[in-house]
N, C-alpha and C. Protein backbone atom coordinates (compact mmCIF):
# COMPACT_ATOMS: atom_id res chain seq x y z
N MET A 1 152.55 153.35 135.79
CA MET A 1 152.24 152.09 135.55
C MET A 1 150.61 151.42 136.01
N LEU A 2 150.41 152.71 136.62
CA LEU A 2 148.79 152.22 137.44
C LEU A 2 147.91 152.75 135.95
N VAL A 3 148.06 153.63 135.40
CA VAL A 3 147.34 154.09 134.31
C VAL A 3 147.54 153.19 133.17
N ILE A 4 148.61 152.68 132.98
CA ILE A 4 149.06 151.68 131.49
C ILE A 4 148.33 150.58 131.99
N ALA A 5 148.27 149.84 133.59
CA ALA A 5 147.27 148.78 133.32
C ALA A 5 145.79 149.04 133.28
N CYS A 6 145.43 150.04 133.75
CA CYS A 6 144.00 150.96 133.66
C CYS A 6 143.75 150.66 132.36
N SER A 7 144.37 151.27 131.57
CA SER A 7 144.42 151.59 130.14
C SER A 7 143.88 150.01 129.30
N ALA A 8 144.92 149.04 129.64
CA ALA A 8 144.94 147.51 129.09
C ALA A 8 143.80 146.83 129.84
N VAL A 9 143.03 147.41 131.12
CA VAL A 9 141.68 146.85 131.33
C VAL A 9 140.59 147.12 130.62
N VAL A 10 140.61 148.49 130.51
CA VAL A 10 139.57 149.09 129.55
C VAL A 10 139.84 148.85 128.60
N THR A 11 140.89 148.55 127.55
CA THR A 11 140.80 147.98 126.24
C THR A 11 140.45 146.87 126.14
N CYS A 12 140.64 145.81 127.11
CA CYS A 12 140.54 144.64 126.94
C CYS A 12 138.78 144.00 127.24
N TYR A 13 138.38 144.85 127.75
CA TYR A 13 137.13 145.20 128.16
C TYR A 13 136.08 145.57 127.11
N ALA A 14 136.77 146.67 126.29
CA ALA A 14 135.91 147.51 125.29
C ALA A 14 136.01 146.16 124.01
N LEU A 15 137.36 145.57 123.72
CA LEU A 15 137.32 144.36 123.12
C LEU A 15 136.49 143.36 123.02
N TYR A 16 136.29 142.88 124.09
CA TYR A 16 135.16 141.70 124.68
C TYR A 16 134.02 142.01 124.26
N LYS A 17 133.64 143.34 124.80
CA LYS A 17 132.21 143.32 124.67
C LYS A 17 131.94 143.83 123.17
N SER A 18 132.74 144.12 122.40
CA SER A 18 132.83 144.32 121.08
C SER A 18 132.44 142.95 120.36
N PHE A 19 133.44 141.82 120.33
CA PHE A 19 133.37 140.86 119.70
C PHE A 19 131.92 139.98 120.34
N SER A 20 131.52 140.36 121.83
CA SER A 20 130.40 139.82 121.72
C SER A 20 128.82 140.39 121.20
N ALA A 21 129.00 141.64 121.12
CA ALA A 21 127.85 142.27 120.24
C ALA A 21 127.93 141.98 118.49
N VAL A 22 129.59 141.53 118.18
CA VAL A 22 129.15 141.19 116.73
C VAL A 22 128.96 139.78 116.56
N ALA A 23 129.02 138.86 117.62
CA ALA A 23 128.74 137.72 117.68
C ALA A 23 127.05 137.77 117.84
N LEU A 24 126.50 138.31 118.51
CA LEU A 24 125.21 138.35 118.51
C LEU A 24 124.54 138.85 117.43
N MET A 25 124.95 139.92 116.83
CA MET A 25 124.41 140.48 115.32
C MET A 25 124.67 139.34 114.40
N GLN A 26 125.42 138.35 114.48
CA GLN A 26 125.61 137.49 113.16
C GLN A 26 124.57 136.77 113.27
N ASP A 27 123.75 136.59 114.08
CA ASP A 27 122.70 135.54 114.17
C ASP A 27 121.49 136.13 114.08
N LYS A 28 121.13 137.58 113.21
CA LYS A 28 120.02 138.09 113.14
C LYS A 28 120.13 138.97 111.68
N VAL A 29 119.21 138.65 111.00
CA VAL A 29 119.16 139.17 109.81
C VAL A 29 118.09 140.18 109.62
N TYR A 30 117.94 141.33 109.12
CA TYR A 30 116.79 142.08 108.91
C TYR A 30 116.33 142.39 107.77
N ILE A 31 114.84 142.14 107.66
CA ILE A 31 114.51 141.69 106.26
C ILE A 31 113.36 142.90 105.88
N LEU A 32 113.42 143.56 104.70
CA LEU A 32 112.57 144.46 104.57
C LEU A 32 111.34 144.48 103.88
N ALA A 33 110.14 144.16 104.35
CA ALA A 33 108.94 143.75 103.52
C ALA A 33 107.74 145.01 103.80
N ASN A 34 107.16 145.08 102.51
CA ASN A 34 106.31 146.37 102.38
C ASN A 34 106.91 147.78 103.42
N GLY A 35 108.14 147.88 103.21
CA GLY A 35 108.31 148.93 103.91
C GLY A 35 108.90 148.83 105.51
N LYS A 36 108.46 147.69 106.12
CA LYS A 36 108.70 147.56 107.41
C LYS A 36 109.80 146.32 107.43
N ALA A 37 110.96 146.78 108.83
CA ALA A 37 112.00 146.07 108.88
C ALA A 37 111.82 144.98 110.14
N MET A 38 111.80 143.48 110.04
CA MET A 38 111.27 142.48 110.60
C MET A 38 112.79 141.85 110.18
N GLU A 39 112.76 141.35 111.71
CA GLU A 39 113.96 140.53 112.37
C GLU A 39 113.70 139.20 112.12
N ALA A 40 114.86 138.42 111.38
CA ALA A 40 114.88 137.12 111.34
C ALA A 40 116.07 136.58 111.99
N TYR A 41 115.87 135.40 112.52
CA TYR A 41 116.87 134.65 113.24
C TYR A 41 117.43 133.20 112.63
N SER A 42 118.80 133.04 112.74
CA SER A 42 119.35 131.87 112.02
C SER A 42 119.17 131.06 112.97
N SER A 43 119.08 129.83 112.28
CA SER A 43 118.96 128.34 112.93
C SER A 43 119.95 127.50 112.07
N GLN A 44 120.56 126.23 113.10
CA GLN A 44 120.72 125.30 112.61
C GLN A 44 120.00 124.56 111.67
N ARG A 45 120.22 123.65 110.45
CA ARG A 45 119.33 122.93 109.72
C ARG A 45 118.91 121.65 110.81
N LYS A 46 119.29 121.09 111.56
CA LYS A 46 118.92 120.07 112.28
C LYS A 46 117.57 120.92 113.18
N ASP A 47 117.42 122.06 113.26
CA ASP A 47 116.06 122.57 114.30
C ASP A 47 115.00 122.70 113.45
N ASN A 48 115.10 122.33 112.06
CA ASN A 48 113.84 122.66 111.06
C ASN A 48 114.07 121.84 110.22
N VAL A 49 114.36 120.22 110.45
CA VAL A 49 114.44 119.38 109.43
C VAL A 49 113.10 118.86 109.44
N ALA A 50 112.39 118.74 110.16
CA ALA A 50 110.91 118.03 110.21
C ALA A 50 110.04 119.07 109.35
N VAL A 51 110.17 120.52 109.58
CA VAL A 51 109.42 121.34 108.59
C VAL A 51 109.95 121.72 107.35
N GLU A 52 111.34 121.43 107.25
CA GLU A 52 111.53 121.51 105.67
C GLU A 52 111.34 120.22 104.95
N ALA A 53 111.30 118.72 105.51
CA ALA A 53 111.05 117.96 104.95
C ALA A 53 109.64 117.52 104.41
N ARG A 54 108.86 118.42 105.47
CA ARG A 54 107.31 118.44 104.98
C ARG A 54 106.97 118.99 104.05
N ASP A 55 107.61 120.41 103.99
CA ASP A 55 107.54 120.83 102.54
C ASP A 55 108.10 120.44 101.52
N HIS A 56 109.13 120.28 101.74
CA HIS A 56 109.63 119.43 100.23
C HIS A 56 108.76 118.73 99.79
N VAL A 57 108.33 117.25 100.84
CA VAL A 57 107.03 116.38 100.27
C VAL A 57 105.95 117.13 99.62
N ARG A 58 105.24 118.01 100.12
CA ARG A 58 104.18 118.88 99.74
C ARG A 58 104.58 119.46 98.46
N THR A 59 105.74 120.09 97.89
CA THR A 59 105.90 120.76 97.08
C THR A 59 106.27 119.69 95.94
N PHE A 60 106.78 118.74 96.28
CA PHE A 60 106.96 117.63 95.26
C PHE A 60 105.61 116.99 94.75
N HIS A 61 104.66 116.88 95.76
CA HIS A 61 103.33 116.09 95.35
C HIS A 61 102.47 117.48 94.80
N GLN A 62 102.63 118.45 94.81
CA GLN A 62 102.02 119.85 94.28
C GLN A 62 102.33 119.55 92.73
N PHE A 63 103.63 119.40 92.49
CA PHE A 63 104.14 119.57 91.14
C PHE A 63 103.90 118.06 90.30
N PHE A 64 104.20 117.06 91.06
CA PHE A 64 103.76 115.74 90.45
C PHE A 64 102.38 115.47 90.21
N PHE A 65 101.47 115.73 91.07
CA PHE A 65 100.06 115.39 90.77
C PHE A 65 99.01 116.59 90.66
N SER A 66 99.65 117.84 90.26
CA SER A 66 98.94 118.87 89.60
C SER A 66 99.28 119.22 88.05
N LEU A 67 98.19 118.72 87.61
CA LEU A 67 98.23 118.48 86.00
C LEU A 67 97.11 119.26 85.47
N ASP A 68 97.26 120.05 84.20
CA ASP A 68 96.17 120.65 83.82
C ASP A 68 96.30 120.38 81.88
N PRO A 69 95.25 120.31 81.33
CA PRO A 69 95.55 119.84 79.75
C PRO A 69 95.97 120.70 78.86
N ASP A 70 97.43 120.70 79.38
CA ASP A 70 98.43 121.49 78.43
C ASP A 70 100.08 120.68 78.65
N ASP A 71 100.52 120.37 77.40
CA ASP A 71 101.68 119.63 77.13
C ASP A 71 102.92 120.45 78.24
N LYS A 72 102.99 121.63 77.95
CA LYS A 72 104.20 122.12 78.47
C LYS A 72 104.03 122.38 79.90
N VAL A 73 102.76 122.67 80.18
CA VAL A 73 102.56 122.79 81.86
C VAL A 73 102.74 121.45 82.53
N ILE A 74 102.55 120.39 81.80
CA ILE A 74 102.72 119.12 82.59
C ILE A 74 104.01 118.72 82.49
N LYS A 75 104.87 119.01 81.20
CA LYS A 75 106.39 118.84 81.31
C LYS A 75 107.15 119.65 82.25
N ALA A 76 106.52 120.89 82.42
CA ALA A 76 107.19 121.72 83.52
C ALA A 76 106.88 121.50 84.99
N ASN A 77 105.76 121.21 85.10
CA ASN A 77 105.71 120.40 86.69
C ASN A 77 106.08 119.32 86.89
N VAL A 78 106.16 118.19 85.91
CA VAL A 78 107.18 117.06 86.01
C VAL A 78 108.38 116.94 86.27
N THR A 79 109.00 118.27 85.28
CA THR A 79 110.53 118.41 85.56
C THR A 79 110.81 118.84 87.07
N LYS A 80 109.95 119.70 87.50
CA LYS A 80 110.30 120.30 88.37
C LYS A 80 110.17 119.01 89.64
N ALA A 81 109.32 118.43 89.75
CA ALA A 81 109.27 117.33 90.74
C ALA A 81 109.99 116.23 90.62
N LEU A 82 110.57 115.93 89.25
CA LEU A 82 111.86 115.08 89.66
C LEU A 82 113.22 115.54 89.84
N TYR A 83 113.34 116.90 89.92
CA TYR A 83 114.25 117.61 90.65
C TYR A 83 114.45 116.89 92.34
N LEU A 84 113.12 116.81 92.92
CA LEU A 84 112.72 116.45 94.16
C LEU A 84 112.97 115.38 94.23
N ALA A 85 113.09 114.31 93.29
CA ALA A 85 112.96 112.56 93.69
C ALA A 85 113.74 112.29 92.81
N ASP A 86 113.86 110.59 93.20
CA ASP A 86 115.09 110.01 92.32
C ASP A 86 114.52 109.06 91.27
N SER A 87 114.76 108.00 90.83
CA SER A 87 114.63 107.23 89.74
C SER A 87 113.37 106.41 89.92
N SER A 88 112.73 106.59 91.28
CA SER A 88 111.67 105.79 91.23
C SER A 88 110.56 106.38 90.73
N VAL A 89 110.49 107.52 91.21
CA VAL A 89 109.35 108.60 90.23
C VAL A 89 109.87 108.76 88.91
N LYS A 90 110.70 108.87 88.60
CA LYS A 90 111.10 108.78 87.03
C LYS A 90 110.41 107.32 86.36
N ARG A 91 110.19 106.50 86.69
CA ARG A 91 109.98 104.76 86.13
C ARG A 91 108.56 105.27 86.46
N ILE A 92 107.73 105.92 87.63
CA ILE A 92 106.15 106.08 87.50
C ILE A 92 105.86 106.79 86.63
N TYR A 93 106.69 108.32 86.03
CA TYR A 93 106.24 108.97 85.13
C TYR A 93 106.51 108.13 83.64
N ASP A 94 107.45 107.69 83.86
CA ASP A 94 107.66 106.92 82.19
C ASP A 94 106.70 106.22 82.09
N ASP A 95 106.18 104.95 83.21
CA ASP A 95 105.22 104.34 82.83
C ASP A 95 103.79 104.93 82.48
N LEU A 96 103.21 105.90 83.51
CA LEU A 96 101.87 106.50 82.86
C LEU A 96 102.17 107.23 81.90
N LYS A 97 103.44 107.69 81.08
CA LYS A 97 103.44 108.28 79.86
C LYS A 97 103.24 107.14 78.50
N GLU A 98 104.04 106.09 79.33
CA GLU A 98 104.03 105.01 78.20
C GLU A 98 102.48 104.51 78.11
N ASN A 99 102.00 104.36 78.94
CA ASN A 99 100.38 104.16 78.76
C ASN A 99 99.47 105.04 78.51
N GLY A 100 99.73 106.45 78.09
CA GLY A 100 99.32 107.57 77.37
C GLY A 100 98.24 108.25 78.70
N TYR A 101 98.71 108.30 79.90
CA TYR A 101 98.21 108.99 80.96
C TYR A 101 97.96 110.33 80.58
N TYR A 102 99.16 111.01 80.29
CA TYR A 102 99.17 112.00 80.10
C TYR A 102 98.84 112.90 78.89
N SER A 103 98.86 112.10 77.66
CA SER A 103 98.32 112.39 76.54
C SER A 103 96.54 112.25 76.83
N GLY A 104 95.86 111.65 77.61
CA GLY A 104 94.52 111.29 78.10
C GLY A 104 93.94 112.86 78.50
N ILE A 105 94.66 113.36 79.59
CA ILE A 105 94.50 114.15 80.17
C ILE A 105 94.38 115.41 79.32
N ILE A 106 95.43 115.29 78.35
CA ILE A 106 95.31 116.62 77.34
C ILE A 106 94.13 116.71 76.34
N SER A 107 93.94 115.33 75.76
CA SER A 107 92.92 115.06 74.76
C SER A 107 91.61 115.02 75.28
N GLY A 108 91.50 114.85 76.81
CA GLY A 108 90.27 114.93 77.55
C GLY A 108 89.98 116.17 78.21
N ASN A 109 90.94 117.24 78.06
CA ASN A 109 90.74 118.46 78.89
C ASN A 109 90.58 118.06 80.38
N ILE A 110 91.22 117.37 80.27
CA ILE A 110 91.25 117.14 82.14
C ILE A 110 92.08 117.78 83.22
N SER A 111 91.34 118.74 84.28
CA SER A 111 92.49 119.06 85.06
C SER A 111 92.72 118.11 86.54
N GLN A 112 93.78 118.17 86.82
CA GLN A 112 94.00 117.15 88.34
C GLN A 112 94.57 118.05 89.24
N THR A 113 93.82 118.16 90.70
CA THR A 113 94.62 119.30 91.66
C THR A 113 94.86 117.88 92.72
N VAL A 114 95.57 118.53 93.78
CA VAL A 114 95.97 117.77 94.61
C VAL A 114 96.25 118.81 96.04
N SER A 115 95.16 118.50 96.85
CA SER A 115 95.50 119.24 98.30
C SER A 115 95.92 118.08 99.15
N ILE A 116 96.83 118.48 100.05
CA ILE A 116 97.72 118.03 101.29
C ILE A 116 96.95 118.24 102.56
N ASP A 117 96.46 116.94 102.83
CA ASP A 117 95.72 116.68 104.80
C ASP A 117 96.86 116.87 105.37
N SER A 118 98.00 116.04 105.13
CA SER A 118 99.09 115.99 106.29
C SER A 118 99.99 115.25 105.45
N VAL A 119 100.80 115.61 106.63
CA VAL A 119 102.23 114.76 105.84
C VAL A 119 103.25 114.21 107.39
N THR A 120 103.50 112.95 107.66
CA THR A 120 104.40 112.84 108.68
C THR A 120 105.68 112.01 108.38
N ILE A 121 106.45 112.61 109.18
CA ILE A 121 108.18 112.70 108.92
C ILE A 121 108.71 112.08 110.09
N ASP A 122 109.40 110.88 110.15
CA ASP A 122 109.96 110.41 111.19
C ASP A 122 111.58 110.59 111.27
N VAL A 123 111.94 111.59 111.59
CA VAL A 123 113.12 112.32 111.88
C VAL A 123 114.14 111.69 112.73
N LYS A 124 113.45 110.24 113.47
CA LYS A 124 114.35 109.55 114.34
C LYS A 124 115.42 108.58 113.84
N GLU A 125 115.01 108.35 112.58
CA GLU A 125 115.85 107.45 111.83
C GLU A 125 116.32 108.21 110.43
N TYR A 126 117.53 107.81 109.85
CA TYR A 126 117.83 108.28 108.64
C TYR A 126 118.11 107.24 107.80
N PRO A 127 117.57 107.23 106.78
CA PRO A 127 116.83 108.40 105.66
C PRO A 127 115.38 108.40 106.49
N TYR A 128 115.01 109.48 106.30
CA TYR A 128 113.79 109.80 106.76
C TYR A 128 112.75 109.37 106.28
N ARG A 129 111.94 108.68 106.67
CA ARG A 129 110.71 107.89 106.15
C ARG A 129 109.37 109.06 106.68
N PHE A 130 108.64 109.07 105.46
CA PHE A 130 107.22 109.89 105.26
C PHE A 130 106.05 108.90 104.70
N ILE A 131 105.02 109.48 105.33
CA ILE A 131 103.76 109.30 104.54
C ILE A 131 102.68 110.54 104.52
N CYS A 132 102.32 110.64 103.44
CA CYS A 132 101.51 111.59 102.66
C CYS A 132 100.40 111.54 102.58
N TYR A 133 99.23 112.26 103.19
CA TYR A 133 97.83 112.04 102.99
C TYR A 133 97.25 113.08 102.65
N ALA A 134 96.77 112.99 101.38
CA ALA A 134 96.18 114.06 100.29
C ALA A 134 95.23 113.57 99.57
N ARG A 135 94.08 114.40 99.17
CA ARG A 135 93.04 114.52 98.61
C ARG A 135 93.21 114.78 96.94
N GLN A 136 92.71 114.28 95.85
CA GLN A 136 93.12 114.33 94.59
C GLN A 136 91.79 114.81 93.89
N ASN A 137 91.38 115.93 93.15
CA ASN A 137 90.43 116.20 92.46
C ASN A 137 90.63 115.78 90.90
N ILE A 138 89.77 115.00 90.12
CA ILE A 138 90.13 114.90 88.74
C ILE A 138 89.09 115.69 88.29
N ILE A 139 89.29 116.80 87.03
CA ILE A 139 88.01 117.57 86.69
C ILE A 139 88.03 117.31 85.22
N ARG A 140 86.69 116.87 85.03
CA ARG A 140 86.24 116.69 83.83
C ARG A 140 85.37 117.13 83.12
N THR A 141 85.05 117.35 81.80
CA THR A 141 83.96 118.32 81.32
C THR A 141 82.43 118.04 81.95
N THR A 142 82.57 116.48 82.42
CA THR A 142 81.03 115.98 82.49
C THR A 142 80.92 115.61 84.45
N SER A 143 82.45 115.34 84.78
CA SER A 143 82.32 114.92 86.35
C SER A 143 83.52 115.61 87.12
N ILE A 144 83.30 115.57 88.36
CA ILE A 144 84.33 115.67 89.28
C ILE A 144 84.74 114.44 89.93
N VAL A 145 85.79 113.84 90.14
CA VAL A 145 86.31 112.63 90.74
C VAL A 145 86.98 112.90 91.90
N ASN A 146 86.59 112.57 93.08
CA ASN A 146 87.39 112.88 94.20
C ASN A 146 88.11 111.57 94.92
N ARG A 147 89.23 111.81 95.03
CA ARG A 147 90.16 110.44 95.06
C ARG A 147 91.13 110.72 96.47
N ASN A 148 91.47 109.86 97.42
CA ASN A 148 91.93 109.30 98.42
C ASN A 148 93.25 108.89 97.77
N LEU A 149 94.63 109.95 98.52
CA LEU A 149 95.71 109.77 97.96
C LEU A 149 96.63 109.49 99.09
N ILE A 150 97.26 108.21 99.13
CA ILE A 150 98.39 107.89 100.28
C ILE A 150 99.85 107.64 99.49
N THR A 151 100.57 108.23 100.04
CA THR A 151 102.13 107.65 99.43
C THR A 151 102.95 107.72 100.55
N GLU A 152 104.29 107.22 100.29
CA GLU A 152 105.04 106.93 101.02
C GLU A 152 106.41 106.86 100.31
N GLY A 153 107.39 107.03 101.40
CA GLY A 153 108.72 107.23 100.71
C GLY A 153 109.87 107.45 101.58
N THR A 154 111.29 107.82 101.60
CA THR A 154 112.03 108.21 102.32
C THR A 154 112.94 109.39 101.71
N LEU A 155 113.43 110.00 102.47
CA LEU A 155 114.10 111.75 102.34
C LEU A 155 115.89 111.43 102.43
N ARG A 156 116.30 111.71 101.66
CA ARG A 156 117.77 111.48 101.61
C ARG A 156 118.53 112.72 101.52
N ASN A 157 119.54 113.48 102.53
CA ASN A 157 119.86 114.80 102.29
C ASN A 157 120.86 114.95 101.16
N VAL A 158 120.79 115.64 100.08
CA VAL A 158 121.67 116.29 99.09
C VAL A 158 121.78 117.77 99.18
N SER A 159 122.82 117.95 98.56
CA SER A 159 123.23 119.48 98.01
C SER A 159 122.00 120.43 98.03
N ARG A 160 121.61 121.77 98.56
CA ARG A 160 120.70 122.40 98.27
C ARG A 160 121.09 123.04 96.91
N SER A 161 120.14 123.58 95.85
CA SER A 161 120.18 124.37 95.01
C SER A 161 118.98 124.96 94.47
N ASP A 162 118.98 125.56 93.07
CA ASP A 162 118.03 126.42 92.79
C ASP A 162 116.51 125.55 92.46
N ASN A 163 117.02 124.60 92.09
CA ASN A 163 115.79 123.32 91.91
C ASN A 163 115.42 122.44 92.83
N ASN A 164 116.23 122.33 94.18
CA ASN A 164 116.07 121.58 95.21
C ASN A 164 116.57 122.38 96.48
N PRO A 165 115.51 123.23 96.90
CA PRO A 165 116.17 124.37 97.84
C PRO A 165 115.82 123.73 99.21
N HIS A 166 115.44 122.87 99.51
CA HIS A 166 115.24 122.13 100.76
C HIS A 166 116.35 121.41 100.89
N GLY A 167 117.26 120.55 99.91
CA GLY A 167 118.12 119.97 100.11
C GLY A 167 117.98 118.37 100.91
N PHE A 168 116.62 117.84 100.09
CA PHE A 168 115.81 116.59 100.36
C PHE A 168 116.19 116.00 98.89
N LEU A 169 116.28 114.61 98.75
CA LEU A 169 115.76 113.62 97.63
C LEU A 169 114.67 112.76 98.04
N ILE A 170 113.81 112.65 97.52
CA ILE A 170 112.83 111.56 97.82
C ILE A 170 113.16 110.26 97.02
N GLU A 171 112.94 109.36 98.05
CA GLU A 171 113.52 107.95 97.46
C GLU A 171 112.70 106.85 97.60
N ARG A 172 112.67 105.63 97.23
CA ARG A 172 111.72 104.52 97.23
C ARG A 172 109.84 105.48 97.12
N PHE A 173 109.97 105.79 96.32
CA PHE A 173 108.57 106.45 96.37
C PHE A 173 107.47 105.75 96.11
N ASN A 174 106.31 105.54 96.86
CA ASN A 174 105.39 104.17 96.64
C ASN A 174 103.95 104.90 96.72
N THR A 175 102.96 105.01 95.89
CA THR A 175 101.82 105.12 96.07
C THR A 175 101.05 103.93 96.92
N LEU A 176 100.61 104.26 98.34
CA LEU A 176 99.98 103.18 99.08
C LEU A 176 98.25 103.04 98.57
N GLU A 177 97.58 103.89 98.42
CA GLU A 177 96.62 103.87 98.31
C GLU A 177 96.04 105.63 97.12
N ASN A 178 95.44 104.81 96.00
CA ASN A 178 94.54 105.97 95.32
C ASN A 178 93.20 105.62 94.90
N LYS A 179 92.47 105.71 95.34
CA LYS A 179 91.05 105.23 95.35
C LYS A 179 90.37 106.28 95.20
N ASP A 180 89.04 105.98 94.51
CA ASP A 180 87.79 106.96 94.34
C ASP A 180 86.73 107.08 95.48
N LEU A 181 86.46 108.29 95.96
CA LEU A 181 85.96 108.56 97.24
C LEU A 181 84.48 108.72 96.85
N GLY A 182 84.46 109.50 95.77
CA GLY A 182 83.03 109.86 95.10
C GLY A 182 83.53 110.76 93.88
N THR A 183 82.03 110.84 92.91
CA THR A 183 81.94 111.48 91.72
C THR A 183 80.84 112.46 91.87
N ILE A 184 81.18 113.55 91.32
CA ILE A 184 80.17 114.76 91.51
C ILE A 184 79.71 114.90 89.81
N ASN A 185 78.31 115.10 89.32
CA ASN A 185 78.31 115.24 88.24
C ASN A 185 78.15 116.73 87.97
N ARG A 186 78.98 117.10 86.60
CA ARG A 186 78.54 118.74 86.31
C ARG A 186 77.55 119.04 85.20
N LYS A 187 77.03 119.91 85.42
CA LYS A 187 75.96 120.26 84.35
C LYS A 187 76.61 120.49 83.29
N PRO A 188 76.04 120.40 81.75
CA PRO A 188 76.72 120.56 80.48
C PRO A 188 76.49 121.89 80.28
């Protein structure tokens, strides 16, 4: 009886330790990069909401405001941006297109870039409110116009997909400020 009881205790202890080890390993992922194994840890979405939300807003602004004088590039970038936002951005795009903004970029060989200074996210209240502070450079053949760009909106949770990897949707998008800071003349 003593041998059977000891065997049962050892078996239970071994099972307990095995399940503990498996639970610990489920939170770890090993990534192979440049021939080196790196350990990554899983985390809950709530742990990274602010980080993912800021990157979502940055990604949207890069796609929507970085334009080159090529119709295919403009359509590709705007299409990617529209996957990340709701109809408020679609209305802005339609208005710009109707007013000839994109055809002016193409015909004038104008490039437009955006660099994000900062993004503030209020994760205390849902939907999450954001304000994005950025600089725009509009590069023409004769000059470079520097602009200050401040936008706001809210973020709503949606399903993640290949087109929307962060799982947010920008709603009530609005441009608070888009004013010239200065112009630099280019040599012909």
